[in-house]
Each structure stands twice: as structure tokens, then as C-alpha cells.
Amino acid sequence: ALANRINILKKEKEQQQQGKLKALKENER
């Protein structure tokens, strides 16, 4: 379960990074 937690955290991190990238582009505009 803890190993699966790493996968979940990795996906959440990727989603957060994608959200941050979109937010950064919007903020830049």
C-alpha cells in the first residue's frame, strides 16, 4: 500500500505540475 502511495503521490505531483504550468502561462499572459 505504501508503494502504491508513491504512485499516487507521483500522479498527484504530475497533475499539480500540469496545473501550475497552465496557471503560469495564464499568469504570464
mmCIF file of all heavy atoms, coordinates in Angstrom:
data_MODEL
# 
_entry.id   MODEL 
# 
loop_
_atom_site.group_PDB 
_atom_site.id 
_atom_site.type_symbol 
_atom_site.label_atom_id 
_atom_site.label_alt_id 
_atom_site.label_comp_id 
_atom_site.label_asym_id 
_atom_site.label_entity_id 
_atom_site.label_seq_id 
_atom_site.pdbx_PDB_ins_code 
_atom_site.Cartn_x 
_atom_site.Cartn_y 
_atom_site.Cartn_z 
_atom_site.occupancy 
_atom_site.B_iso_or_equiv 
_atom_site.pdbx_formal_charge 
_atom_site.auth_seq_id 
_atom_site.auth_comp_id 
_atom_site.auth_asym_id 
_atom_site.auth_atom_id 
_atom_site.pdbx_PDB_model_num 
ATOM 1   N N   . ALA A 1 1  ? 0.827  -1.205 0.000   1.00 0.00 ? 1  ALA A N   1 
ATOM 2   C CA  . ALA A 1 1  ? 0.000  0.000  0.000   1.00 0.00 ? 1  ALA A CA  1 
ATOM 3   C C   . ALA A 1 1  ? 0.862  1.257  0.000   1.00 0.00 ? 1  ALA A C   1 
ATOM 4   O O   . ALA A 1 1  ? 0.555  2.240  -0.682  1.00 0.00 ? 1  ALA A O   1 
ATOM 5   C CB  . ALA A 1 1  ? -0.924 -0.006 1.216   1.00 0.00 ? 1  ALA A CB  1 
ATOM 6   N N   . LEU A 1 2  ? 1.971  1.224  0.749   1.00 0.00 ? 2  LEU A N   1 
ATOM 7   C CA  . LEU A 1 2  ? 2.852  2.379  0.765   1.00 0.00 ? 2  LEU A CA  1 
ATOM 8   C C   . LEU A 1 2  ? 3.538  2.576  -0.578  1.00 0.00 ? 2  LEU A C   1 
ATOM 9   O O   . LEU A 1 2  ? 3.781  3.708  -1.019  1.00 0.00 ? 2  LEU A O   1 
ATOM 10  C CB  . LEU A 1 2  ? 3.903  2.225  1.871   1.00 0.00 ? 2  LEU A CB  1 
ATOM 11  C CG  . LEU A 1 2  ? 3.392  2.412  3.300   1.00 0.00 ? 2  LEU A CG  1 
ATOM 12  C CD1 . LEU A 1 2  ? 4.476  2.069  4.303   1.00 0.00 ? 2  LEU A CD1 1 
ATOM 13  C CD2 . LEU A 1 2  ? 2.923  3.838  3.504   1.00 0.00 ? 2  LEU A CD2 1 
ATOM 14  N N   . ALA A 1 3  ? 3.858  1.462  -1.240  1.00 0.00 ? 3  ALA A N   1 
ATOM 15  C CA  . ALA A 1 3  ? 4.432  1.590  -2.576  1.00 0.00 ? 3  ALA A CA  1 
ATOM 16  C C   . ALA A 1 3  ? 3.419  2.198  -3.532  1.00 0.00 ? 3  ALA A C   1 
ATOM 17  O O   . ALA A 1 3  ? 3.752  3.036  -4.384  1.00 0.00 ? 3  ALA A O   1 
ATOM 18  C CB  . ALA A 1 3  ? 4.887  0.225  -3.081  1.00 0.00 ? 3  ALA A CB  1 
ATOM 19  N N   . ASN A 1 4  ? 2.172  1.767  -3.406  1.00 0.00 ? 4  ASN A N   1 
ATOM 20  C CA  . ASN A 1 4  ? 1.122  2.370  -4.232  1.00 0.00 ? 4  ASN A CA  1 
ATOM 21  C C   . ASN A 1 4  ? 0.954  3.850  -3.899  1.00 0.00 ? 4  ASN A C   1 
ATOM 22  O O   . ASN A 1 4  ? 0.594  4.654  -4.773  1.00 0.00 ? 4  ASN A O   1 
ATOM 23  C CB  . ASN A 1 4  ? -0.195 1.633  -4.006  1.00 0.00 ? 4  ASN A CB  1 
ATOM 24  C CG  . ASN A 1 4  ? -1.303 2.154  -4.908  1.00 0.00 ? 4  ASN A CG  1 
ATOM 25  O OD1 . ASN A 1 4  ? -1.259 1.998  -6.121  1.00 0.00 ? 4  ASN A OD1 1 
ATOM 26  N ND2 . ASN A 1 4  ? -2.289 2.795  -4.307  1.00 0.00 ? 4  ASN A ND2 1 
ATOM 27  N N   . ARG A 1 5  ? 1.228  4.206  -2.637  1.00 0.00 ? 5  ARG A N   1 
ATOM 28  C CA  . ARG A 1 5  ? 1.152  5.613  -2.238  1.00 0.00 ? 5  ARG A CA  1 
ATOM 29  C C   . ARG A 1 5  ? 2.132  6.450  -3.049  1.00 0.00 ? 5  ARG A C   1 
ATOM 30  O O   . ARG A 1 5  ? 1.836  7.592  -3.415  1.00 0.00 ? 5  ARG A O   1 
ATOM 31  C CB  . ARG A 1 5  ? 1.455  5.723  -0.733  1.00 0.00 ? 5  ARG A CB  1 
ATOM 32  C CG  . ARG A 1 5  ? 1.532  7.140  -0.208  1.00 0.00 ? 5  ARG A CG  1 
ATOM 33  C CD  . ARG A 1 5  ? 1.983  7.124  1.247   1.00 0.00 ? 5  ARG A CD  1 
ATOM 34  N NE  . ARG A 1 5  ? 2.233  8.449  1.769   1.00 0.00 ? 5  ARG A NE  1 
ATOM 35  C CZ  . ARG A 1 5  ? 1.323  9.202  2.360   1.00 0.00 ? 5  ARG A CZ  1 
ATOM 36  N NH1 . ARG A 1 5  ? 0.094  8.762  2.484   1.00 0.00 ? 5  ARG A NH1 1 
ATOM 37  N NH2 . ARG A 1 5  ? 1.637  10.393 2.823   1.00 0.00 ? 5  ARG A NH2 1 
ATOM 38  N N   . ILE A 1 6  ? 3.303  5.860  -3.346  1.00 0.00 ? 6  ILE A N   1 
ATOM 39  C CA  . ILE A 1 6  ? 4.287  6.591  -4.155  1.00 0.00 ? 6  ILE A CA  1 
ATOM 40  C C   . ILE A 1 6  ? 3.724  6.873  -5.536  1.00 0.00 ? 6  ILE A C   1 
ATOM 41  O O   . ILE A 1 6  ? 3.875  7.971  -6.091  1.00 0.00 ? 6  ILE A O   1 
ATOM 42  C CB  . ILE A 1 6  ? 5.607  5.796  -4.247  1.00 0.00 ? 6  ILE A CB  1 
ATOM 43  C CG1 . ILE A 1 6  ? 6.236  5.665  -2.865  1.00 0.00 ? 6  ILE A CG1 1 
ATOM 44  C CG2 . ILE A 1 6  ? 6.570  6.458  -5.209  1.00 0.00 ? 6  ILE A CG2 1 
ATOM 45  C CD1 . ILE A 1 6  ? 7.504  4.866  -2.841  1.00 0.00 ? 6  ILE A CD1 1 
ATOM 46  N N   . ASN A 1 7  ? 3.063  5.861  -6.122  1.00 0.00 ? 7  ASN A N   1 
ATOM 47  C CA  . ASN A 1 7  ? 2.460  6.071  -7.442  1.00 0.00 ? 7  ASN A CA  1 
ATOM 48  C C   . ASN A 1 7  ? 1.384  7.158  -7.380  1.00 0.00 ? 7  ASN A C   1 
ATOM 49  O O   . ASN A 1 7  ? 1.279  8.002  -8.282  1.00 0.00 ? 7  ASN A O   1 
ATOM 50  C CB  . ASN A 1 7  ? 1.849  4.758  -7.944  1.00 0.00 ? 7  ASN A CB  1 
ATOM 51  C CG  . ASN A 1 7  ? 2.909  3.701  -8.222  1.00 0.00 ? 7  ASN A CG  1 
ATOM 52  O OD1 . ASN A 1 7  ? 4.021  4.035  -8.623  1.00 0.00 ? 7  ASN A OD1 1 
ATOM 53  N ND2 . ASN A 1 7  ? 2.582  2.439  -7.985  1.00 0.00 ? 7  ASN A ND2 1 
ATOM 54  N N   . ILE A 1 8  ? 0.589  7.119  -6.312  1.00 0.00 ? 8  ILE A N   1 
ATOM 55  C CA  . ILE A 1 8  ? -0.464 8.139  -6.174  1.00 0.00 ? 8  ILE A CA  1 
ATOM 56  C C   . ILE A 1 8  ? 0.152  9.524  -6.024  1.00 0.00 ? 8  ILE A C   1 
ATOM 57  O O   . ILE A 1 8  ? -0.276 10.493 -6.671  1.00 0.00 ? 8  ILE A O   1 
ATOM 58  C CB  . ILE A 1 8  ? -1.359 7.807  -4.963  1.00 0.00 ? 8  ILE A CB  1 
ATOM 59  C CG1 . ILE A 1 8  ? -2.127 6.500  -5.215  1.00 0.00 ? 8  ILE A CG1 1 
ATOM 60  C CG2 . ILE A 1 8  ? -2.335 8.939  -4.687  1.00 0.00 ? 8  ILE A CG2 1 
ATOM 61  C CD1 . ILE A 1 8  ? -2.920 6.027  -4.019  1.00 0.00 ? 8  ILE A CD1 1 
ATOM 62  N N   . LEU A 1 9  ? 1.184  9.614  -5.181  1.00 0.00 ? 9  LEU A N   1 
ATOM 63  C CA  . LEU A 1 9  ? 1.837  10.897 -4.996  1.00 0.00 ? 9  LEU A CA  1 
ATOM 64  C C   . LEU A 1 9  ? 2.477  11.387 -6.282  1.00 0.00 ? 9  LEU A C   1 
ATOM 65  O O   . LEU A 1 9  ? 2.468  12.593 -6.579  1.00 0.00 ? 9  LEU A O   1 
ATOM 66  C CB  . LEU A 1 9  ? 2.901  10.790 -3.889  1.00 0.00 ? 9  LEU A CB  1 
ATOM 67  C CG  . LEU A 1 9  ? 2.375  10.557 -2.473  1.00 0.00 ? 9  LEU A CG  1 
ATOM 68  C CD1 . LEU A 1 9  ? 3.544  10.359 -1.506  1.00 0.00 ? 9  LEU A CD1 1 
ATOM 69  C CD2 . LEU A 1 9  ? 1.512  11.719 -2.015  1.00 0.00 ? 9  LEU A CD2 1 
ATOM 70  N N   . LYS A 1 10 ? 3.015  10.437 -7.062  1.00 0.00 ? 10 LYS A N   1 
ATOM 71  C CA  . LYS A 1 10 ? 3.632  10.811 -8.336  1.00 0.00 ? 10 LYS A CA  1 
ATOM 72  C C   . LYS A 1 10 ? 2.588  11.377 -9.289  1.00 0.00 ? 10 LYS A C   1 
ATOM 73  O O   . LYS A 1 10 ? 2.803  12.413 -9.938  1.00 0.00 ? 10 LYS A O   1 
ATOM 74  C CB  . LYS A 1 10 ? 4.313  9.591  -8.952  1.00 0.00 ? 10 LYS A CB  1 
ATOM 75  C CG  . LYS A 1 10 ? 4.992  9.868  -10.291 1.00 0.00 ? 10 LYS A CG  1 
ATOM 76  C CD  . LYS A 1 10 ? 5.589  8.606  -10.857 1.00 0.00 ? 10 LYS A CD  1 
ATOM 77  C CE  . LYS A 1 10 ? 6.171  8.866  -12.241 1.00 0.00 ? 10 LYS A CE  1 
ATOM 78  N NZ  . LYS A 1 10 ? 6.697  7.625  -12.858 1.00 0.00 ? 10 LYS A NZ  1 
ATOM 79  N N   . LYS A 1 11 ? 1.417  10.706 -9.374  1.00 0.00 ? 11 LYS A N   1 
ATOM 80  C CA  . LYS A 1 11 ? 0.353  11.206 -10.257 1.00 0.00 ? 11 LYS A CA  1 
ATOM 81  C C   . LYS A 1 11 ? -0.143 12.569 -9.777  1.00 0.00 ? 11 LYS A C   1 
ATOM 82  O O   . LYS A 1 11 ? -0.365 13.477 -10.584 1.00 0.00 ? 11 LYS A O   1 
ATOM 83  C CB  . LYS A 1 11 ? -0.799 10.207 -10.290 1.00 0.00 ? 11 LYS A CB  1 
ATOM 84  C CG  . LYS A 1 11 ? -0.471 8.911  -11.018 1.00 0.00 ? 11 LYS A CG  1 
ATOM 85  C CD  . LYS A 1 11 ? -1.658 7.968  -11.009 1.00 0.00 ? 11 LYS A CD  1 
ATOM 86  C CE  . LYS A 1 11 ? -1.333 6.655  -11.718 1.00 0.00 ? 11 LYS A CE  1 
ATOM 87  N NZ  . LYS A 1 11 ? -2.474 5.704  -11.684 1.00 0.00 ? 11 LYS A NZ  1 
ATOM 88  N N   . GLU A 1 12 ? -0.329 12.685 -8.458  1.00 0.00 ? 12 GLU A N   1 
ATOM 89  C CA  . GLU A 1 12 ? -0.777 13.966 -7.929  1.00 0.00 ? 12 GLU A CA  1 
ATOM 90  C C   . GLU A 1 12 ? 0.234  15.068 -8.221  1.00 0.00 ? 12 GLU A C   1 
ATOM 91  O O   . GLU A 1 12 ? -0.133 16.197 -8.557  1.00 0.00 ? 12 GLU A O   1 
ATOM 92  C CB  . GLU A 1 12 ? -1.011 13.858 -6.425  1.00 0.00 ? 12 GLU A CB  1 
ATOM 93  C CG  . GLU A 1 12 ? -2.206 12.986 -6.042  1.00 0.00 ? 12 GLU A CG  1 
ATOM 94  C CD  . GLU A 1 12 ? -2.354 12.855 -4.543  1.00 0.00 ? 12 GLU A CD  1 
ATOM 95  O OE1 . GLU A 1 12 ? -1.443 13.325 -3.818  1.00 0.00 ? 12 GLU A OE1 1 
ATOM 96  O OE2 . GLU A 1 12 ? -3.367 12.282 -4.089  1.00 0.00 ? 12 GLU A OE2 1 
ATOM 97  N N   . LYS A 1 13 ? 1.506  14.722 -8.112  1.00 0.00 ? 13 LYS A N   1 
ATOM 98  C CA  . LYS A 1 13 ? 2.551  15.707 -8.396  1.00 0.00 ? 13 LYS A CA  1 
ATOM 99  C C   . LYS A 1 13 ? 2.522  16.122 -9.860  1.00 0.00 ? 13 LYS A C   1 
ATOM 100 O O   . LYS A 1 13 ? 2.668  17.307 -10.192 1.00 0.00 ? 13 LYS A O   1 
ATOM 101 C CB  . LYS A 1 13 ? 3.918  15.131 -8.020  1.00 0.00 ? 13 LYS A CB  1 
ATOM 102 C CG  . LYS A 1 13 ? 5.052  16.125 -8.149  1.00 0.00 ? 13 LYS A CG  1 
ATOM 103 C CD  . LYS A 1 13 ? 6.359  15.519 -7.679  1.00 0.00 ? 13 LYS A CD  1 
ATOM 104 C CE  . LYS A 1 13 ? 7.493  16.539 -7.786  1.00 0.00 ? 13 LYS A CE  1 
ATOM 105 N NZ  . LYS A 1 13 ? 8.782  15.967 -7.335  1.00 0.00 ? 13 LYS A NZ  1 
ATOM 106 N N   . GLU A 1 14 ? 2.349  15.124 -10.761 1.00 0.00 ? 14 GLU A N   1 
ATOM 107 C CA  . GLU A 1 14 ? 2.277  15.446 -12.179 1.00 0.00 ? 14 GLU A CA  1 
ATOM 108 C C   . GLU A 1 14 ? 1.073  16.330 -12.472 1.00 0.00 ? 14 GLU A C   1 
ATOM 109 O O   . GLU A 1 14 ? 1.174  17.292 -13.249 1.00 0.00 ? 14 GLU A O   1 
ATOM 110 C CB  . GLU A 1 14 ? 2.207  14.154 -12.999 1.00 0.00 ? 14 GLU A CB  1 
ATOM 111 C CG  . GLU A 1 14 ? 3.500  13.351 -12.979 1.00 0.00 ? 14 GLU A CG  1 
ATOM 112 C CD  . GLU A 1 14 ? 3.344  12.019 -13.714 1.00 0.00 ? 14 GLU A CD  1 
ATOM 113 O OE1 . GLU A 1 14 ? 2.189  11.685 -14.078 1.00 0.00 ? 14 GLU A OE1 1 
ATOM 114 O OE2 . GLU A 1 14 ? 4.357  11.325 -13.903 1.00 0.00 ? 14 GLU A OE2 1 
ATOM 115 N N   . GLN A 1 15 ? -0.077 16.009 -11.855 1.00 0.00 ? 15 GLN A N   1 
ATOM 116 C CA  . GLN A 1 15 ? -1.261 16.832 -12.065 1.00 0.00 ? 15 GLN A CA  1 
ATOM 117 C C   . GLN A 1 15 ? -1.055 18.245 -11.526 1.00 0.00 ? 15 GLN A C   1 
ATOM 118 O O   . GLN A 1 15 ? -1.456 19.229 -12.162 1.00 0.00 ? 15 GLN A O   1 
ATOM 119 C CB  . GLN A 1 15 ? -2.470 16.186 -11.379 1.00 0.00 ? 15 GLN A CB  1 
ATOM 120 C CG  . GLN A 1 15 ? -2.910 14.872 -12.032 1.00 0.00 ? 15 GLN A CG  1 
ATOM 121 C CD  . GLN A 1 15 ? -4.027 14.197 -11.250 1.00 0.00 ? 15 GLN A CD  1 
ATOM 122 O OE1 . GLN A 1 15 ? -4.414 14.659 -10.180 1.00 0.00 ? 15 GLN A OE1 1 
ATOM 123 N NE2 . GLN A 1 15 ? -4.540 13.089 -11.781 1.00 0.00 ? 15 GLN A NE2 1 
ATOM 124 N N   . GLN A 1 16 ? -0.412 18.336 -10.360 1.00 0.00 ? 16 GLN A N   1 
ATOM 125 C CA  . GLN A 1 16 ? -0.134 19.656 -9.802  1.00 0.00 ? 16 GLN A CA  1 
ATOM 126 C C   . GLN A 1 16 ? 0.804  20.449 -10.698 1.00 0.00 ? 16 GLN A C   1 
ATOM 127 O O   . GLN A 1 16 ? 0.617  21.651 -10.907 1.00 0.00 ? 16 GLN A O   1 
ATOM 128 C CB  . GLN A 1 16 ? 0.468  19.519 -8.403  1.00 0.00 ? 16 GLN A CB  1 
ATOM 129 C CG  . GLN A 1 16 ? -0.510 19.019 -7.348  1.00 0.00 ? 16 GLN A CG  1 
ATOM 130 C CD  . GLN A 1 16 ? 0.148  18.830 -6.002  1.00 0.00 ? 16 GLN A CD  1 
ATOM 131 O OE1 . GLN A 1 16 ? 1.357  19.015 -5.862  1.00 0.00 ? 16 GLN A OE1 1 
ATOM 132 N NE2 . GLN A 1 16 ? -0.640 18.436 -5.006  1.00 0.00 ? 16 GLN A NE2 1 
ATOM 133 N N   . GLN A 1 17 ? 1.815  19.750 -11.244 1.00 0.00 ? 17 GLN A N   1 
ATOM 134 C CA  . GLN A 1 17 ? 2.753  20.432 -12.128 1.00 0.00 ? 17 GLN A CA  1 
ATOM 135 C C   . GLN A 1 17 ? 2.061  20.919 -13.395 1.00 0.00 ? 17 GLN A C   1 
ATOM 136 O O   . GLN A 1 17 ? 2.329  22.033 -13.867 1.00 0.00 ? 17 GLN A O   1 
ATOM 137 C CB  . GLN A 1 17 ? 3.919  19.504 -12.471 1.00 0.00 ? 17 GLN A CB  1 
ATOM 138 C CG  . GLN A 1 17 ? 4.858  19.239 -11.304 1.00 0.00 ? 17 GLN A CG  1 
ATOM 139 C CD  . GLN A 1 17 ? 5.952  18.252 -11.647 1.00 0.00 ? 17 GLN A CD  1 
ATOM 140 O OE1 . GLN A 1 17 ? 5.877  17.563 -12.663 1.00 0.00 ? 17 GLN A OE1 1 
ATOM 141 N NE2 . GLN A 1 17 ? 6.958  18.172 -10.800 1.00 0.00 ? 17 GLN A NE2 1 
ATOM 142 N N   . GLN A 1 18 ? 1.177  20.072 -13.949 1.00 0.00 ? 18 GLN A N   1 
ATOM 143 C CA  . GLN A 1 18 ? 0.439  20.497 -15.134 1.00 0.00 ? 18 GLN A CA  1 
ATOM 144 C C   . GLN A 1 18 ? -0.457 21.693 -14.818 1.00 0.00 ? 18 GLN A C   1 
ATOM 145 O O   . GLN A 1 18 ? -0.544 22.648 -15.598 1.00 0.00 ? 18 GLN A O   1 
ATOM 146 C CB  . GLN A 1 18 ? -0.398 19.340 -15.669 1.00 0.00 ? 18 GLN A CB  1 
ATOM 147 C CG  . GLN A 1 18 ? 0.435  18.205 -16.272 1.00 0.00 ? 18 GLN A CG  1 
ATOM 148 C CD  . GLN A 1 18 ? -0.422 17.037 -16.727 1.00 0.00 ? 18 GLN A CD  1 
ATOM 149 O OE1 . GLN A 1 18 ? -1.642 17.049 -16.537 1.00 0.00 ? 18 GLN A OE1 1 
ATOM 150 N NE2 . GLN A 1 18 ? 0.224  16.031 -17.313 1.00 0.00 ? 18 GLN A NE2 1 
ATOM 151 N N   . GLY A 1 19 ? -1.132 21.627 -13.647 1.00 0.00 ? 19 GLY A N   1 
ATOM 152 C CA  . GLY A 1 19 ? -1.970 22.750 -13.252 1.00 0.00 ? 19 GLY A CA  1 
ATOM 153 C C   . GLY A 1 19 ? -1.159 24.013 -13.040 1.00 0.00 ? 19 GLY A C   1 
ATOM 154 O O   . GLY A 1 19 ? -1.568 25.111 -13.449 1.00 0.00 ? 19 GLY A O   1 
ATOM 155 N N   . LYS A 1 20 ? 0.019  23.860 -12.420 1.00 0.00 ? 20 LYS A N   1 
ATOM 156 C CA  . LYS A 1 20 ? 0.880  25.015 -12.203 1.00 0.00 ? 20 LYS A CA  1 
ATOM 157 C C   . LYS A 1 20 ? 1.376  25.590 -13.523 1.00 0.00 ? 20 LYS A C   1 
ATOM 158 O O   . LYS A 1 20 ? 1.481  26.817 -13.687 1.00 0.00 ? 20 LYS A O   1 
ATOM 159 C CB  . LYS A 1 20 ? 2.065  24.625 -11.320 1.00 0.00 ? 20 LYS A CB  1 
ATOM 160 C CG  . LYS A 1 20 ? 1.706  24.368 -9.866  1.00 0.00 ? 20 LYS A CG  1 
ATOM 161 C CD  . LYS A 1 20 ? 2.938  23.994 -9.061  1.00 0.00 ? 20 LYS A CD  1 
ATOM 162 C CE  . LYS A 1 20 ? 2.568  23.718 -7.599  1.00 0.00 ? 20 LYS A CE  1 
ATOM 163 N NZ  . LYS A 1 20 ? 3.760  23.330 -6.812  1.00 0.00 ? 20 LYS A NZ  1 
ATOM 164 N N   . LEU A 1 21 ? 1.699  24.682 -14.506 1.00 0.00 ? 21 LEU A N   1 
ATOM 165 C CA  . LEU A 1 21 ? 2.171  25.152 -15.805 1.00 0.00 ? 21 LEU A CA  1 
ATOM 166 C C   . LEU A 1 21 ? 1.091  25.973 -16.506 1.00 0.00 ? 21 LEU A C   1 
ATOM 167 O O   . LEU A 1 21 ? 1.365  27.042 -17.066 1.00 0.00 ? 21 LEU A O   1 
ATOM 168 C CB  . LEU A 1 21 ? 2.585  23.956 -16.667 1.00 0.00 ? 21 LEU A CB  1 
ATOM 169 C CG  . LEU A 1 21 ? 3.149  24.281 -18.054 1.00 0.00 ? 21 LEU A CG  1 
ATOM 170 C CD1 . LEU A 1 21 ? 4.406  25.152 -17.913 1.00 0.00 ? 21 LEU A CD1 1 
ATOM 171 C CD2 . LEU A 1 21 ? 3.462  22.999 -18.815 1.00 0.00 ? 21 LEU A CD2 1 
ATOM 172 N N   . LYS A 1 22 ? -0.153 25.469 -16.464 1.00 0.00 ? 22 LYS A N   1 
ATOM 173 C CA  . LYS A 1 22 ? -1.253 26.212 -17.076 1.00 0.00 ? 22 LYS A CA  1 
ATOM 174 C C   . LYS A 1 22 ? -1.449 27.559 -16.372 1.00 0.00 ? 22 LYS A C   1 
ATOM 175 O O   . LYS A 1 22 ? -1.659 28.590 -17.018 1.00 0.00 ? 22 LYS A O   1 
ATOM 176 C CB  . LYS A 1 22 ? -2.539 25.398 -16.999 1.00 0.00 ? 22 LYS A CB  1 
ATOM 177 C CG  . LYS A 1 22 ? -2.541 24.160 -17.892 1.00 0.00 ? 22 LYS A CG  1 
ATOM 178 C CD  . LYS A 1 22 ? -3.862 23.409 -17.752 1.00 0.00 ? 22 LYS A CD  1 
ATOM 179 C CE  . LYS A 1 22 ? -3.867 22.163 -18.643 1.00 0.00 ? 22 LYS A CE  1 
ATOM 180 N NZ  . LYS A 1 22 ? -5.134 21.395 -18.502 1.00 0.00 ? 22 LYS A NZ  1 
ATOM 181 N N   . ALA A 1 23 ? -1.381 27.505 -15.035 1.00 0.00 ? 23 ALA A N   1 
ATOM 182 C CA  . ALA A 1 23 ? -1.555 28.747 -14.283 1.00 0.00 ? 23 ALA A CA  1 
ATOM 183 C C   . ALA A 1 23 ? -0.441 29.745 -14.594 1.00 0.00 ? 23 ALA A C   1 
ATOM 184 O O   . ALA A 1 23 ? -0.689 30.955 -14.717 1.00 0.00 ? 23 ALA A O   1 
ATOM 185 C CB  . ALA A 1 23 ? -1.591 28.447 -12.784 1.00 0.00 ? 23 ALA A CB  1 
ATOM 186 N N   . LEU A 1 24 ? 0.796  29.235 -14.758 1.00 0.00 ? 24 LEU A N   1 
ATOM 187 C CA  . LEU A 1 24 ? 1.915  30.118 -15.080 1.00 0.00 ? 24 LEU A CA  1 
ATOM 188 C C   . LEU A 1 24 ? 1.737  30.769 -16.444 1.00 0.00 ? 24 LEU A C   1 
ATOM 189 O O   . LEU A 1 24 ? 2.012  31.963 -16.625 1.00 0.00 ? 24 LEU A O   1 
ATOM 190 C CB  . LEU A 1 24 ? 3.232  29.335 -15.032 1.00 0.00 ? 24 LEU A CB  1 
ATOM 191 C CG  . LEU A 1 24 ? 3.748  28.958 -13.633 1.00 0.00 ? 24 LEU A CG  1 
ATOM 192 C CD1 . LEU A 1 24 ? 4.979  28.061 -13.746 1.00 0.00 ? 24 LEU A CD1 1 
ATOM 193 C CD2 . LEU A 1 24 ? 4.090  30.203 -12.834 1.00 0.00 ? 24 LEU A CD2 1 
ATOM 194 N N   . LYS A 1 25 ? 1.281  29.970 -17.430 1.00 0.00 ? 25 LYS A N   1 
ATOM 195 C CA  . LYS A 1 25 ? 1.060  30.533 -18.765 1.00 0.00 ? 25 LYS A CA  1 
ATOM 196 C C   . LYS A 1 25 ? -0.034 31.604 -18.719 1.00 0.00 ? 25 LYS A C   1 
ATOM 197 O O   . LYS A 1 25 ? 0.101  32.663 -19.342 1.00 0.00 ? 25 LYS A O   1 
ATOM 198 C CB  . LYS A 1 25 ? 0.680  29.423 -19.739 1.00 0.00 ? 25 LYS A CB  1 
ATOM 199 C CG  . LYS A 1 25 ? 1.829  28.478 -20.067 1.00 0.00 ? 25 LYS A CG  1 
ATOM 200 C CD  . LYS A 1 25 ? 1.391  27.410 -21.061 1.00 0.00 ? 25 LYS A CD  1 
ATOM 201 C CE  . LYS A 1 25 ? 2.548  26.484 -21.419 1.00 0.00 ? 25 LYS A CE  1 
ATOM 202 N NZ  . LYS A 1 25 ? 2.131  25.417 -22.374 1.00 0.00 ? 25 LYS A NZ  1 
ATOM 203 N N   . GLU A 1 26 ? -1.112 31.306 -17.985 1.00 0.00 ? 26 GLU A N   1 
ATOM 204 C CA  . GLU A 1 26 ? -2.186 32.275 -17.874 1.00 0.00 ? 26 GLU A CA  1 
ATOM 205 C C   . GLU A 1 26 ? -1.712 33.536 -17.149 1.00 0.00 ? 26 GLU A C   1 
ATOM 206 O O   . GLU A 1 26 ? -2.038 34.668 -17.543 1.00 0.00 ? 26 GLU A O   1 
ATOM 207 C CB  . GLU A 1 26 ? -3.370 31.654 -17.124 1.00 0.00 ? 26 GLU A CB  1 
ATOM 208 C CG  . GLU A 1 26 ? -4.571 32.568 -16.948 1.00 0.00 ? 26 GLU A CG  1 
ATOM 209 C CD  . GLU A 1 26 ? -5.224 32.923 -18.271 1.00 0.00 ? 26 GLU A CD  1 
ATOM 210 O OE1 . GLU A 1 26 ? -5.007 32.194 -19.274 1.00 0.00 ? 26 GLU A OE1 1 
ATOM 211 O OE2 . GLU A 1 26 ? -5.949 33.931 -18.302 1.00 0.00 ? 26 GLU A OE2 1 
ATOM 212 N N   . ASN A 1 27 ? -0.928 33.325 -16.105 1.00 0.00 ? 27 ASN A N   1 
ATOM 213 C CA  . ASN A 1 27 ? -0.397 34.475 -15.372 1.00 0.00 ? 27 ASN A CA  1 
ATOM 214 C C   . ASN A 1 27 ? 0.542  35.308 -16.231 1.00 0.00 ? 27 ASN A C   1 
ATOM 215 O O   . ASN A 1 27 ? 0.553  36.541 -16.155 1.00 0.00 ? 27 ASN A O   1 
ATOM 216 C CB  . ASN A 1 27 ? 0.343  34.006 -14.115 1.00 0.00 ? 27 ASN A CB  1 
ATOM 217 C CG  . ASN A 1 27 ? -0.601 33.476 -13.049 1.00 0.00 ? 27 ASN A CG  1 
ATOM 218 O OD1 . ASN A 1 27 ? -1.775 33.824 -13.028 1.00 0.00 ? 27 ASN A OD1 1 
ATOM 219 N ND2 . ASN A 1 27 ? -0.103 32.618 -12.180 1.00 0.00 ? 27 ASN A ND2 1 
ATOM 220 N N   . GLU A 1 28 ? 1.329  34.607 -17.059 1.00 0.00 ? 28 GLU A N   1 
ATOM 221 C CA  . GLU A 1 28 ? 2.241  35.324 -17.948 1.00 0.00 ? 28 GLU A CA  1 
ATOM 222 C C   . GLU A 1 28 ? 1.469  36.207 -18.926 1.00 0.00 ? 28 GLU A C   1 
ATOM 223 O O   . GLU A 1 28 ? 1.845  37.360 -19.183 1.00 0.00 ? 28 GLU A O   1 
ATOM 224 C CB  . GLU A 1 28 ? 3.108  34.316 -18.705 1.00 0.00 ? 28 GLU A CB  1 
ATOM 225 C CG  . GLU A 1 28 ? 4.180  34.962 -19.572 1.00 0.00 ? 28 GLU A CG  1 
ATOM 226 C CD  . GLU A 1 28 ? 5.036  33.930 -20.284 1.00 0.00 ? 28 GLU A CD  1 
ATOM 227 O OE1 . GLU A 1 28 ? 4.834  32.716 -20.040 1.00 0.00 ? 28 GLU A OE1 1 
ATOM 228 O OE2 . GLU A 1 28 ? 5.888  34.337 -21.083 1.00 0.00 ? 28 GLU A OE2 1 
ATOM 229 N N   . ARG A 1 29 ? 0.373  35.679 -19.466 1.00 0.00 ? 29 ARG A N   1 
ATOM 230 C CA  . ARG A 1 29 ? -0.449 36.468 -20.389 1.00 0.00 ? 29 ARG A CA  1 
ATOM 231 C C   . ARG A 1 29 ? -1.063 37.668 -19.676 1.00 0.00 ? 29 ARG A C   1 
ATOM 232 O O   . ARG A 1 29 ? -1.060 38.791 -20.192 1.00 0.00 ? 29 ARG A O   1 
ATOM 233 C CB  . ARG A 1 29 ? -1.553 35.584 -20.974 1.00 0.00 ? 29 ARG A CB  1 
ATOM 234 C CG  . ARG A 1 29 ? -2.438 36.289 -22.002 1.00 0.00 ? 29 ARG A CG  1 
ATOM 235 C CD  . ARG A 1 29 ? -3.567 35.392 -22.438 1.00 0.00 ? 29 ARG A CD  1 
ATOM 236 N NE  . ARG A 1 29 ? -4.483 35.089 -21.343 1.00 0.00 ? 29 ARG A NE  1 
ATOM 237 C CZ  . ARG A 1 29 ? -5.449 35.945 -20.947 1.00 0.00 ? 29 ARG A CZ  1 
ATOM 238 N NH1 . ARG A 1 29 ? -5.609 37.120 -21.544 1.00 0.00 ? 29 ARG A NH1 1 
ATOM 239 N NH2 . ARG A 1 29 ? -6.245 35.603 -19.949 1.00 0.00 ? 29 ARG A NH2 1 
# 
